[in-house]
Amino acid sequence: MSKKVALLVGGWSAEREVSLMKGVHIEKALNDAGYDVTLIDVTSDIPKLIKDLTPKPDVVFNNLYGRGGEDGVIQGILEALEIPYTHSGVEASAIGMNKPMAKRIASSAGVPSPMGVVASKQDVLDEKVMPRPYVVKPLNEGSSVGVRIIMDGENQKPLDEAHWTFGEQVLVEKFIPGREIHVAVLDGKAQGVTEIKFPGRFFDYEAKYSDQRTQLVTPADVPADVARAAMGYAEAVFNELGCRGLSRCDFRYDDSKSGIDGVYFLEINTMPGLAPGSVALIQPEHNGMTFVQLCSHLVETATCQAGAKNRKNPSSSEKENRLSA
């Protein structure tokens, strides 16, 4: 009998449409793999979600992005329901989504990242944080939502105040020139290095999802020591955060610097997008794993810490039954 898999799509973050779009591809892959798939469009109505997950499926395939989906919230609900789910657990998801915290964890593991400061929105607007050029980011958003690069000699304000809906604190980082490289990690093992080539100033939302000029070059044309460093850094962050399943680390590579001195960790995505053209799919495919195989692997290795504890610590009645058997 095939496993019953509940595929979560949608969510209530700024990345809802991304989740719905990519969920179509994951649903097909899971069906092709022979699973009994139920699609659940998730909203902020948690009682409805719990009802939709009753009776419990064998596994939840989490395809929610952004706040509420990859920051530990949904993971905590699934832990409470004791349903195995794909990707990282509560703690790793929460830390990974918090960019300043992830940077600190990376630093503790010896992984370099751009100098960054968490500042008030007003100080950022008044340009009191650091000299240009720099990058401003929300503390806990994905898909480059809210990101802006502020260069010398420009009239652009540090923030679009009218449309800034990401809180009163802002992450401000020193701008690193050069190239964008990404590393997917599956079960703790780096899958390769991909260079992202895009027409604009940075790999923004449009370049990710709609600009046909964006190119993903795998393997990236970078020196061998740079590739090794990026892959090693990605594995270190994955392990230090306690991630599981699939993740993706984003780096800047300043090729004007010597060797690995130009490699800087930007952030980890514990719920990387899965669809044709996604880095987290391209790299495993380059290593011989198909989309269907990758989705199947994530289902078969899905876990739930609460459920695992209960299996390791059986109830007194279960112990008595075993002893009397």
C-alpha atoms as a PDB file:
ATOM      1  CA  MET A   1       0.000   0.000   0.000  1.00  0.00           C
ATOM      2  CA  SER A   2       1.436   3.382  -1.006  1.00  0.00           C
ATOM      3  CA  LYS A   3       2.253   5.983   1.611  1.00  0.00           C
ATOM      4  CA  LYS A   4      -0.236   8.772   2.136  1.00  0.00           C
ATOM      5  CA  VAL A   5       1.561  12.085   1.648  1.00  0.00           C
ATOM      6  CA  ALA A   6       0.024  15.467   2.475  1.00  0.00           C
ATOM      7  CA  LEU A   7       1.642  18.159   0.314  1.00  0.00           C
ATOM      8  CA  LEU A   8       1.453  21.585   1.967  1.00  0.00           C
ATOM      9  CA  VAL A   9       1.322  24.537  -0.441  1.00  0.00           C
ATOM     10  CA  GLY A  10       0.438  28.211  -0.251  1.00  0.00           C
ATOM     11  CA  GLY A  11       0.875  29.579   3.241  1.00  0.00           C
ATOM     12  CA  TRP A  12       0.384  33.175   4.292  1.00  0.00           C
ATOM     13  CA  SER A  13       3.814  34.708   3.662  1.00  0.00           C
ATOM     14  CA  ALA A  14       5.014  36.979   0.868  1.00  0.00           C
ATOM     15  CA  GLU A  15       6.097  33.798  -0.922  1.00  0.00           C
ATOM     16  CA  ARG A  16       2.650  32.222  -1.160  1.00  0.00           C
ATOM     17  CA  GLU A  17       2.557  32.374  -4.966  1.00  0.00           C
ATOM     18  CA  VAL A  18       6.028  30.817  -5.198  1.00  0.00           C
ATOM     19  CA  SER A  19       4.839  27.888  -3.080  1.00  0.00           C
ATOM     20  CA  LEU A  20       1.729  27.355  -5.211  1.00  0.00           C
ATOM     21  CA  MET A  21       3.753  27.503  -8.410  1.00  0.00           C
ATOM     22  CA  LYS A  22       6.396  25.015  -7.268  1.00  0.00           C
ATOM     23  CA  GLY A  23       3.869  22.772  -5.585  1.00  0.00           C
ATOM     24  CA  VAL A  24       2.473  21.789  -8.997  1.00  0.00           C
ATOM     25  CA  HIS A  25       5.813  20.209  -9.930  1.00  0.00           C
ATOM     26  CA  ILE A  26       6.252  18.455  -6.581  1.00  0.00           C
ATOM     27  CA  GLU A  27       2.725  17.038  -6.711  1.00  0.00           C
ATOM     28  CA  LYS A  28       3.437  15.536 -10.137  1.00  0.00           C
ATOM     29  CA  ALA A  29       6.754  14.075  -8.972  1.00  0.00           C
ATOM     30  CA  LEU A  30       5.135  12.483  -5.909  1.00  0.00           C
ATOM     31  CA  ASN A  31       2.318  11.051  -8.023  1.00  0.00           C
ATOM     32  CA  ASP A  32       4.846   9.711 -10.506  1.00  0.00           C
ATOM     33  CA  ALA A  33       6.642   8.038  -7.594  1.00  0.00           C
ATOM     34  CA  GLY A  34       3.435   6.219  -6.677  1.00  0.00           C
ATOM     35  CA  TYR A  35       2.486   8.043  -3.488  1.00  0.00           C
ATOM     36  CA  ASP A  36      -1.125   8.735  -2.484  1.00  0.00           C
ATOM     37  CA  VAL A  37      -0.952  12.545  -2.505  1.00  0.00           C
ATOM     38  CA  THR A  38      -3.370  14.985  -0.880  1.00  0.00           C
ATOM     39  CA  LEU A  39      -2.832  18.661  -1.692  1.00  0.00           C
ATOM     40  CA  ILE A  40      -3.493  21.065   1.198  1.00  0.00           C
ATOM     41  CA  ASP A  41      -3.657  24.814   0.569  1.00  0.00           C
ATOM     42  CA  VAL A  42      -2.467  26.234   3.882  1.00  0.00           C
ATOM     43  CA  THR A  43      -3.679  29.548   5.302  1.00  0.00           C
ATOM     44  CA  SER A  44      -3.281  31.124   8.734  1.00  0.00           C
ATOM     45  CA  ASP A  45      -6.351  29.153   9.847  1.00  0.00           C
ATOM     46  CA  ILE A  46      -4.490  26.576  11.929  1.00  0.00           C
ATOM     47  CA  PRO A  47      -7.602  24.695  13.174  1.00  0.00           C
ATOM     48  CA  LYS A  48      -8.521  24.136   9.514  1.00  0.00           C
ATOM     49  CA  LEU A  49      -5.018  22.803   8.807  1.00  0.00           C
ATOM     50  CA  ILE A  50      -5.294  20.368  11.710  1.00  0.00           C
ATOM     51  CA  LYS A  51      -8.666  19.240  10.390  1.00  0.00           C
ATOM     52  CA  ASP A  52      -7.186  18.805   6.900  1.00  0.00           C
ATOM     53  CA  LEU A  53      -4.451  16.630   8.443  1.00  0.00           C
ATOM     54  CA  THR A  54      -7.034  14.351  10.085  1.00  0.00           C
ATOM     55  CA  PRO A  55      -6.765  11.422   9.750  1.00  0.00           C
ATOM     56  CA  LYS A  56      -3.015  11.715   9.875  1.00  0.00           C
ATOM     57  CA  PRO A  57      -1.068  11.137   6.662  1.00  0.00           C
ATOM     58  CA  ASP A  58       2.049   8.987   6.790  1.00  0.00           C
ATOM     59  CA  VAL A  59       4.221  11.972   5.848  1.00  0.00           C
ATOM     60  CA  VAL A  60       3.851  15.712   5.273  1.00  0.00           C
ATOM     61  CA  PHE A  61       5.836  17.162   2.380  1.00  0.00           C
ATOM     62  CA  ASN A  62       6.406  20.740   3.462  1.00  0.00           C
ATOM     63  CA  ASN A  63       6.431  23.076   0.467  1.00  0.00           C
ATOM     64  CA  LEU A  64       5.723  26.320   2.364  1.00  0.00           C
ATOM     65  CA  TYR A  65       8.151  29.228   2.083  1.00  0.00           C
ATOM     66  CA  GLY A  66       8.728  32.343   4.149  1.00  0.00           C
ATOM     67  CA  ARG A  67       7.304  33.236   7.541  1.00  0.00           C
ATOM     68  CA  GLY A  68       5.014  30.592   8.960  1.00  0.00           C
ATOM     69  CA  GLY A  69       6.281  27.943   6.556  1.00  0.00           C
ATOM     70  CA  GLU A  70      10.016  27.654   7.028  1.00  0.00           C
ATOM     71  CA  ASP A  71      10.603  29.432  10.339  1.00  0.00           C
ATOM     72  CA  GLY A  72       9.573  26.658  12.716  1.00  0.00           C
ATOM     73  CA  VAL A  73       5.857  27.494  12.993  1.00  0.00           C
ATOM     74  CA  ILE A  74       4.471  24.734  10.759  1.00  0.00           C
ATOM     75  CA  GLN A  75       7.217  22.431  11.963  1.00  0.00           C
ATOM     76  CA  GLY A  76       6.060  22.956  15.555  1.00  0.00           C
ATOM     77  CA  ILE A  77       2.472  22.128  14.620  1.00  0.00           C
ATOM     78  CA  LEU A  78       3.569  18.941  12.888  1.00  0.00           C
ATOM     79  CA  GLU A  79       5.673  17.994  15.909  1.00  0.00           C
ATOM     80  CA  ALA A  80       2.634  18.469  18.153  1.00  0.00           C
ATOM     81  CA  LEU A  81       0.593  16.273  15.814  1.00  0.00           C
ATOM     82  CA  GLU A  82       3.449  13.736  15.661  1.00  0.00           C
ATOM     83  CA  ILE A  83       3.444  13.602  11.862  1.00  0.00           C
ATOM     84  CA  PRO A  84       6.795  13.007  10.099  1.00  0.00           C
ATOM     85  CA  TYR A  85       7.659  15.889   7.772  1.00  0.00           C
ATOM     86  CA  THR A  86      10.321  16.745   5.213  1.00  0.00           C
ATOM     87  CA  HIS A  87      13.212  19.158   5.638  1.00  0.00           C
ATOM     88  CA  SER A  88      14.577  20.654   8.857  1.00  0.00           C
ATOM     89  CA  GLY A  89      13.005  20.619  12.301  1.00  0.00           C
ATOM     90  CA  VAL A  90      11.744  23.436  14.507  1.00  0.00           C
ATOM     91  CA  GLU A  91      15.031  24.786  15.852  1.00  0.00           C
ATOM     92  CA  ALA A  92      17.069  24.636  12.643  1.00  0.00           C
ATOM     93  CA  SER A  93      14.172  26.171  10.678  1.00  0.00           C
ATOM     94  CA  ALA A  94      13.782  29.044  13.139  1.00  0.00           C
ATOM     95  CA  ILE A  95      17.503  29.809  13.224  1.00  0.00           C
ATOM     96  CA  GLY A  96      17.934  29.460   9.476  1.00  0.00           C
ATOM     97  CA  MET A  97      15.132  31.928   8.811  1.00  0.00           C
ATOM     98  CA  ASN A  98      16.645  34.485  11.189  1.00  0.00           C
ATOM     99  CA  LYS A  99      19.452  35.908   9.064  1.00  0.00           C
ATOM    100  CA  PRO A 100      21.453  37.598  11.876  1.00  0.00           C
ATOM    101  CA  MET A 101      21.266  34.452  14.014  1.00  0.00           C
ATOM    102  CA  ALA A 102      22.294  32.227  11.102  1.00  0.00           C
ATOM    103  CA  LYS A 103      25.279  34.519  10.467  1.00  0.00           C
ATOM    104  CA  ARG A 104      26.362  34.197  14.095  1.00  0.00           C
ATOM    105  CA  ILE A 105      26.060  30.417  13.987  1.00  0.00           C
ATOM    106  CA  ALA A 106      28.033  30.330  10.738  1.00  0.00           C
ATOM    107  CA  SER A 107      30.740  32.513  12.276  1.00  0.00           C
ATOM    108  CA  SER A 108      31.004  30.152  15.252  1.00  0.00           C
ATOM    109  CA  ALA A 109      31.668  27.353  12.747  1.00  0.00           C
ATOM    110  CA  GLY A 110      34.459  29.354  11.093  1.00  0.00           C
ATOM    111  CA  VAL A 111      32.402  30.377   8.066  1.00  0.00           C
ATOM    112  CA  PRO A 112      33.044  33.999   6.956  1.00  0.00           C
ATOM    113  CA  SER A 113      30.149  36.315   6.103  1.00  0.00           C
ATOM    114  CA  PRO A 114      29.884  40.021   5.269  1.00  0.00           C
ATOM    115  CA  MET A 115      30.108  42.386   8.219  1.00  0.00           C
ATOM    116  CA  GLY A 116      26.529  43.065   9.287  1.00  0.00           C
ATOM    117  CA  VAL A 117      24.575  45.121  11.825  1.00  0.00           C
ATOM    118  CA  VAL A 118      20.975  44.960  12.998  1.00  0.00           C
ATOM    119  CA  ALA A 119      19.725  48.544  13.092  1.00  0.00           C
ATOM    120  CA  SER A 120      16.478  50.420  13.569  1.00  0.00           C
ATOM    121  CA  LYS A 121      14.479  51.307  10.492  1.00  0.00           C
ATOM    122  CA  GLN A 122      14.881  55.000  11.284  1.00  0.00           C
ATOM    123  CA  ASP A 123      18.674  54.777  11.547  1.00  0.00           C
ATOM    124  CA  VAL A 124      18.735  52.996   8.194  1.00  0.00           C
ATOM    125  CA  LEU A 125      16.583  55.697   6.609  1.00  0.00           C
ATOM    126  CA  ASP A 126      18.887  58.345   8.110  1.00  0.00           C
ATOM    127  CA  GLU A 127      21.932  56.417   6.793  1.00  0.00           C
ATOM    128  CA  LYS A 128      23.576  56.267  10.207  1.00  0.00           C
ATOM    129  CA  VAL A 129      24.562  52.590  10.078  1.00  0.00           C
ATOM    130  CA  MET A 130      27.542  52.204   7.728  1.00  0.00           C
ATOM    131  CA  PRO A 131      29.056  53.933   4.697  1.00  0.00           C
ATOM    132  CA  ARG A 132      27.929  52.923   1.222  1.00  0.00           C
ATOM    133  CA  PRO A 133      27.934  50.489  -0.509  1.00  0.00           C
ATOM    134  CA  TYR A 134      25.798  48.200   1.627  1.00  0.00           C
ATOM    135  CA  VAL A 135      22.795  45.878   1.472  1.00  0.00           C
ATOM    136  CA  VAL A 136      19.578  46.146   3.492  1.00  0.00           C
ATOM    137  CA  LYS A 137      17.496  43.053   4.240  1.00  0.00           C
ATOM    138  CA  PRO A 138      14.511  42.046   6.350  1.00  0.00           C
ATOM    139  CA  LEU A 139      15.597  39.869   9.252  1.00  0.00           C
ATOM    140  CA  ASN A 140      13.416  36.912   8.286  1.00  0.00           C
ATOM    141  CA  GLU A 141      12.183  36.860   4.695  1.00  0.00           C
ATOM    142  CA  GLY A 142      13.159  34.718   1.711  1.00  0.00           C
ATOM    143  CA  SER A 143      13.237  35.029  -2.086  1.00  0.00           C
ATOM    144  CA  SER A 144      15.093  38.378  -1.754  1.00  0.00           C
ATOM    145  CA  VAL A 145      11.834  40.030  -0.637  1.00  0.00           C
ATOM    146  CA  GLY A 146      12.610  43.519   0.698  1.00  0.00           C
ATOM    147  CA  VAL A 147      16.321  43.390  -0.218  1.00  0.00           C
ATOM    148  CA  ARG A 148      17.914  46.559  -1.596  1.00  0.00           C
ATOM    149  CA  ILE A 149      21.532  47.341  -2.549  1.00  0.00           C
ATOM    150  CA  ILE A 150      22.634  50.911  -1.835  1.00  0.00           C
ATOM    151  CA  MET A 151      25.599  52.046  -3.937  1.00  0.00           C
ATOM    152  CA  ASP A 152      27.773  55.160  -3.902  1.00  0.00           C
ATOM    153  CA  GLY A 153      26.576  58.160  -5.867  1.00  0.00           C
ATOM    154  CA  GLU A 154      22.922  57.130  -6.084  1.00  0.00           C
ATOM    155  CA  ASN A 155      19.795  58.951  -4.967  1.00  0.00           C
ATOM    156  CA  GLN A 156      17.993  55.720  -4.022  1.00  0.00           C
ATOM    157  CA  LYS A 157      16.762  55.676  -0.432  1.00  0.00           C
ATOM    158  CA  PRO A 158      17.937  52.779   1.757  1.00  0.00           C
ATOM    159  CA  LEU A 159      14.337  51.610   2.228  1.00  0.00           C
ATOM    160  CA  ASP A 160      11.062  51.912   0.396  1.00  0.00           C
ATOM    161  CA  GLU A 161       9.390  53.180   3.559  1.00  0.00           C
ATOM    162  CA  ALA A 162       5.862  53.081   2.158  1.00  0.00           C
ATOM    163  CA  HIS A 163       6.142  49.368   1.312  1.00  0.00           C
ATOM    164  CA  TRP A 164       8.417  48.182   4.130  1.00  0.00           C
ATOM    165  CA  THR A 165       6.253  45.747   6.109  1.00  0.00           C
ATOM    166  CA  PHE A 166       9.048  43.737   7.711  1.00  0.00           C
ATOM    167  CA  GLY A 167       9.297  45.275  11.169  1.00  0.00           C
ATOM    168  CA  GLU A 168      11.261  48.002  12.905  1.00  0.00           C
ATOM    169  CA  GLN A 169      14.625  46.259  12.686  1.00  0.00           C
ATOM    170  CA  VAL A 170      16.735  45.871   9.558  1.00  0.00           C
ATOM    171  CA  LEU A 171      19.833  43.852   8.727  1.00  0.00           C
ATOM    172  CA  VAL A 172      22.484  46.012   7.066  1.00  0.00           C
ATOM    173  CA  GLU A 173      25.480  44.249   5.502  1.00  0.00           C
ATOM    174  CA  LYS A 174      28.609  45.421   3.761  1.00  0.00           C
ATOM    175  CA  PHE A 175      28.174  44.950   0.014  1.00  0.00           C
ATOM    176  CA  ILE A 176      30.440  42.256  -1.445  1.00  0.00           C
ATOM    177  CA  PRO A 177      31.189  42.717  -5.155  1.00  0.00           C
ATOM    178  CA  GLY A 178      31.646  39.758  -7.438  1.00  0.00           C
ATOM    179  CA  ARG A 179      29.612  36.668  -8.262  1.00  0.00           C
ATOM    180  CA  GLU A 180      26.709  34.740  -6.734  1.00  0.00           C
ATOM    181  CA  ILE A 181      27.284  31.046  -6.054  1.00  0.00           C
ATOM    182  CA  HIS A 182      24.916  28.574  -4.379  1.00  0.00           C
ATOM    183  CA  VAL A 183      25.461  25.158  -2.793  1.00  0.00           C
ATOM    184  CA  ALA A 184      22.726  22.601  -2.117  1.00  0.00           C
ATOM    185  CA  VAL A 185      23.254  20.171   0.779  1.00  0.00           C
ATOM    186  CA  LEU A 186      21.408  16.855   0.979  1.00  0.00           C
ATOM    187  CA  ASP A 187      21.641  14.839   4.210  1.00  0.00           C
ATOM    188  CA  GLY A 188      24.745  16.787   5.199  1.00  0.00           C
ATOM    189  CA  LYS A 189      26.565  16.309   1.884  1.00  0.00           C
ATOM    190  CA  ALA A 190      27.204  19.250  -0.458  1.00  0.00           C
ATOM    191  CA  GLN A 191      25.870  18.527  -3.948  1.00  0.00           C
ATOM    192  CA  GLY A 192      27.958  20.972  -5.974  1.00  0.00           C
ATOM    193  CA  VAL A 193      28.395  24.652  -6.782  1.00  0.00           C
ATOM    194  CA  THR A 194      26.155  26.656  -9.108  1.00  0.00           C
ATOM    195  CA  GLU A 195      26.826  30.189 -10.306  1.00  0.00           C
ATOM    196  CA  ILE A 196      23.781  32.402 -10.757  1.00  0.00           C
ATOM    197  CA  LYS A 197      24.113  34.829 -13.670  1.00  0.00           C
ATOM    198  CA  PHE A 198      21.425  37.485 -13.810  1.00  0.00           C
ATOM    199  CA  PRO A 199      20.897  40.756 -15.682  1.00  0.00           C
ATOM    200  CA  GLY A 200      20.179  43.062 -12.728  1.00  0.00           C
ATOM    201  CA  ARG A 201      22.109  44.278  -9.725  1.00  0.00           C
ATOM    202  CA  PHE A 202      21.443  41.158  -7.671  1.00  0.00           C
ATOM    203  CA  PHE A 203      19.495  37.890  -7.696  1.00  0.00           C
ATOM    204  CA  ASP A 204      16.175  39.504  -6.827  1.00  0.00           C
ATOM    205  CA  TYR A 205      12.605  38.158  -6.877  1.00  0.00           C
ATOM    206  CA  GLU A 206      12.133  38.929 -10.574  1.00  0.00           C
ATOM    207  CA  ALA A 207      15.452  37.321 -11.544  1.00  0.00           C
ATOM    208  CA  LYS A 208      14.528  34.228  -9.524  1.00  0.00           C
ATOM    209  CA  TYR A 209      11.056  33.636 -10.899  1.00  0.00           C
ATOM    210  CA  SER A 210      10.332  35.515 -14.125  1.00  0.00           C
ATOM    211  CA  ASP A 211      13.406  36.910 -15.928  1.00  0.00           C
ATOM    212  CA  GLN A 212      14.254  34.445 -18.696  1.00  0.00           C
ATOM    213  CA  ARG A 213      17.773  35.856 -18.950  1.00  0.00           C
ATOM    214  CA  THR A 214      18.824  34.364 -15.596  1.00  0.00           C
ATOM    215  CA  GLN A 215      21.294  31.483 -16.018  1.00  0.00           C
ATOM    216  CA  LEU A 216      22.248  28.771 -13.533  1.00  0.00           C
ATOM    217  CA  VAL A 217      25.665  27.393 -14.446  1.00  0.00           C
ATOM    218  CA  THR A 218      26.416  23.977 -12.938  1.00  0.00           C
ATOM    219  CA  PRO A 219      29.147  23.244 -12.094  1.00  0.00           C
ATOM    220  CA  ALA A 220      30.223  26.834 -11.546  1.00  0.00           C
ATOM    221  CA  ASP A 221      33.341  27.960 -13.391  1.00  0.00           C
ATOM    222  CA  VAL A 222      35.317  28.805 -10.252  1.00  0.00           C
ATOM    223  CA  PRO A 223      38.738  27.644  -9.004  1.00  0.00           C
ATOM    224  CA  ALA A 224      38.759  24.229  -7.363  1.00  0.00           C
ATOM    225  CA  ASP A 225      39.747  25.630  -3.959  1.00  0.00           C
ATOM    226  CA  VAL A 226      36.845  28.096  -4.084  1.00  0.00           C
ATOM    227  CA  ALA A 227      34.391  25.308  -4.918  1.00  0.00           C
ATOM    228  CA  ARG A 228      35.768  23.150  -2.083  1.00  0.00           C
ATOM    229  CA  ALA A 229      35.538  26.047   0.365  1.00  0.00           C
ATOM    230  CA  ALA A 230      31.951  26.909  -0.563  1.00  0.00           C
ATOM    231  CA  MET A 231      30.880  23.269  -0.272  1.00  0.00           C
ATOM    232  CA  GLY A 232      32.703  22.857   3.025  1.00  0.00           C
ATOM    233  CA  TYR A 233      31.158  26.033   4.420  1.00  0.00           C
ATOM    234  CA  ALA A 234      27.671  24.904   3.346  1.00  0.00           C
ATOM    235  CA  GLU A 235      28.112  21.550   5.065  1.00  0.00           C
ATOM    236  CA  ALA A 236      29.424  23.250   8.209  1.00  0.00           C
ATOM    237  CA  VAL A 237      26.408  25.572   8.431  1.00  0.00           C
ATOM    238  CA  PHE A 238      24.009  22.688   7.740  1.00  0.00           C
ATOM    239  CA  ASN A 239      25.534  20.612  10.531  1.00  0.00           C
ATOM    240  CA  GLU A 240      25.957  23.481  12.996  1.00  0.00           C
ATOM    241  CA  LEU A 241      22.273  24.405  12.698  1.00  0.00           C
ATOM    242  CA  GLY A 242      21.214  20.759  12.945  1.00  0.00           C
ATOM    243  CA  CYS A 243      19.481  20.783   9.559  1.00  0.00           C
ATOM    244  CA  ARG A 244      18.132  17.677   7.905  1.00  0.00           C
ATOM    245  CA  GLY A 245      16.986  16.709   4.438  1.00  0.00           C
ATOM    246  CA  LEU A 246      17.693  19.365   1.838  1.00  0.00           C
ATOM    247  CA  SER A 247      19.006  22.907   2.226  1.00  0.00           C
ATOM    248  CA  ARG A 248      20.765  25.545   0.120  1.00  0.00           C
ATOM    249  CA  CYS A 249      23.460  28.041   1.095  1.00  0.00           C
ATOM    250  CA  ASP A 250      23.979  31.279  -0.821  1.00  0.00           C
ATOM    251  CA  PHE A 251      27.417  32.873  -1.122  1.00  0.00           C
ATOM    252  CA  ARG A 252      29.100  35.869  -2.706  1.00  0.00           C
ATOM    253  CA  TYR A 253      32.417  35.210  -4.395  1.00  0.00           C
ATOM    254  CA  ASP A 254      34.657  38.262  -4.792  1.00  0.00           C
ATOM    255  CA  ASP A 255      36.974  36.971  -7.504  1.00  0.00           C
ATOM    256  CA  SER A 256      39.251  40.006  -7.153  1.00  0.00           C
ATOM    257  CA  LYS A 257      40.565  38.449  -3.939  1.00  0.00           C
ATOM    258  CA  SER A 258      43.058  35.629  -3.673  1.00  0.00           C
ATOM    259  CA  GLY A 259      41.673  32.105  -3.386  1.00  0.00           C
ATOM    260  CA  ILE A 260      39.034  31.401  -0.790  1.00  0.00           C
ATOM    261  CA  ASP A 261      39.420  34.841   0.809  1.00  0.00           C
ATOM    262  CA  GLY A 262      36.698  36.032  -1.545  1.00  0.00           C
ATOM    263  CA  VAL A 263      34.023  33.510  -0.428  1.00  0.00           C
ATOM    264  CA  TYR A 264      31.346  34.916   1.918  1.00  0.00           C
ATOM    265  CA  PHE A 265      28.304  33.145   3.310  1.00  0.00           C
ATOM    266  CA  LEU A 266      25.072  35.136   2.880  1.00  0.00           C
ATOM    267  CA  GLU A 267      22.293  32.894   4.187  1.00  0.00           C
ATOM    268  CA  ILE A 268      20.933  29.374   4.435  1.00  0.00           C
ATOM    269  CA  ASN A 269      17.571  28.317   3.055  1.00  0.00           C
ATOM    270  CA  THR A 270      16.282  25.287   4.965  1.00  0.00           C
ATOM    271  CA  MET A 271      13.319  25.023   2.572  1.00  0.00           C
ATOM    272  CA  PRO A 272      14.858  25.559  -0.871  1.00  0.00           C
ATOM    273  CA  GLY A 273      12.480  25.736  -3.793  1.00  0.00           C
ATOM    274  CA  LEU A 274      11.990  22.526  -5.747  1.00  0.00           C
ATOM    275  CA  ALA A 275      10.997  22.864  -9.387  1.00  0.00           C
ATOM    276  CA  PRO A 276      12.711  22.541 -12.760  1.00  0.00           C
ATOM    277  CA  GLY A 277      15.483  25.135 -12.806  1.00  0.00           C
ATOM    278  CA  SER A 278      15.945  25.282  -9.029  1.00  0.00           C
ATOM    279  CA  VAL A 279      19.506  25.017  -7.687  1.00  0.00           C
ATOM    280  CA  ALA A 280      18.399  22.471  -5.081  1.00  0.00           C
ATOM    281  CA  LEU A 281      17.185  20.250  -7.920  1.00  0.00           C
ATOM    282  CA  ILE A 282      19.826  20.994 -10.568  1.00  0.00           C
ATOM    283  CA  GLN A 283      22.750  19.896  -8.400  1.00  0.00           C
ATOM    284  CA  PRO A 284      21.325  16.483  -7.348  1.00  0.00           C
ATOM    285  CA  GLU A 285      20.273  15.958 -10.987  1.00  0.00           C
ATOM    286  CA  HIS A 286      23.837  16.706 -12.065  1.00  0.00           C
ATOM    287  CA  ASN A 287      24.887  13.921  -9.669  1.00  0.00           C
ATOM    288  CA  GLY A 288      22.411  11.463 -11.208  1.00  0.00           C
ATOM    289  CA  MET A 289      19.337  11.852  -8.989  1.00  0.00           C
ATOM    290  CA  THR A 290      16.082  12.628 -10.812  1.00  0.00           C
ATOM    291  CA  PHE A 291      13.382  14.980  -9.511  1.00  0.00           C
ATOM    292  CA  VAL A 292      11.133  12.010  -8.720  1.00  0.00           C
ATOM    293  CA  GLN A 293      13.953  10.257  -6.879  1.00  0.00           C
ATOM    294  CA  LEU A 294      14.781  13.376  -4.869  1.00  0.00           C
ATOM    295  CA  CYS A 295      11.170  13.925  -3.796  1.00  0.00           C
ATOM    296  CA  SER A 296      10.870  10.225  -2.920  1.00  0.00           C
ATOM    297  CA  HIS A 297      14.068  10.402  -0.874  1.00  0.00           C
ATOM    298  CA  LEU A 298      12.742  13.367   1.090  1.00  0.00           C
ATOM    299  CA  VAL A 299       9.505  11.503   1.815  1.00  0.00           C
ATOM    300  CA  GLU A 300      11.275   8.301   2.868  1.00  0.00           C
ATOM    301  CA  THR A 301      13.678  10.157   5.191  1.00  0.00           C
ATOM    302  CA  ALA A 302      11.041  12.474   6.716  1.00  0.00           C
ATOM    303  CA  THR A 303      11.057  12.460  10.505  1.00  0.00           C
ATOM    304  CA  CYS A 304       9.294  13.862  13.539  1.00  0.00           C
ATOM    305  CA  GLN A 305      11.286  14.316  16.732  1.00  0.00           C
ATOM    306  CA  ALA A 306       8.233  13.937  18.967  1.00  0.00           C
ATOM    307  CA  GLY A 307       7.203  10.727  17.260  1.00  0.00           C
ATOM    308  CA  ALA A 308      10.754   9.391  17.420  1.00  0.00           C
ATOM    309  CA  LYS A 309      10.902  10.069  21.181  1.00  0.00           C
ATOM    310  CA  ASN A 310       7.670   8.223  21.713  1.00  0.00           C
ATOM    311  CA  ARG A 311       8.956   5.271  19.723  1.00  0.00           C
ATOM    312  CA  LYS A 312      12.157   5.227  21.756  1.00  0.00           C
ATOM    313  CA  ASN A 313      10.273   5.615  25.061  1.00  0.00           C
ATOM    314  CA  PRO A 314       7.258   3.290  24.891  1.00  0.00           C
ATOM    315  CA  SER A 315       4.435   3.674  27.353  1.00  0.00           C
ATOM    316  CA  SER A 316       4.336   1.523  30.466  1.00  0.00           C
ATOM    317  CA  SER A 317       1.563  -0.629  28.969  1.00  0.00           C
ATOM    318  CA  GLU A 318       3.651  -1.244  25.856  1.00  0.00           C
ATOM    319  CA  LYS A 319       6.619  -2.232  28.059  1.00  0.00           C
ATOM    320  CA  GLU A 320       4.419  -4.631  30.015  1.00  0.00           C
ATOM    321  CA  ASN A 321       3.125  -6.196  26.794  1.00  0.00           C
ATOM    322  CA  ARG A 322       6.678  -6.724  25.548  1.00  0.00           C
ATOM    323  CA  LEU A 323       7.785  -8.258  28.842  1.00  0.00           C
ATOM    324  CA  SER A 324       4.829 -10.630  28.913  1.00  0.00           C
ATOM    325  CA  ALA A 325       5.177 -11.639  25.268  1.00  0.00           C
END
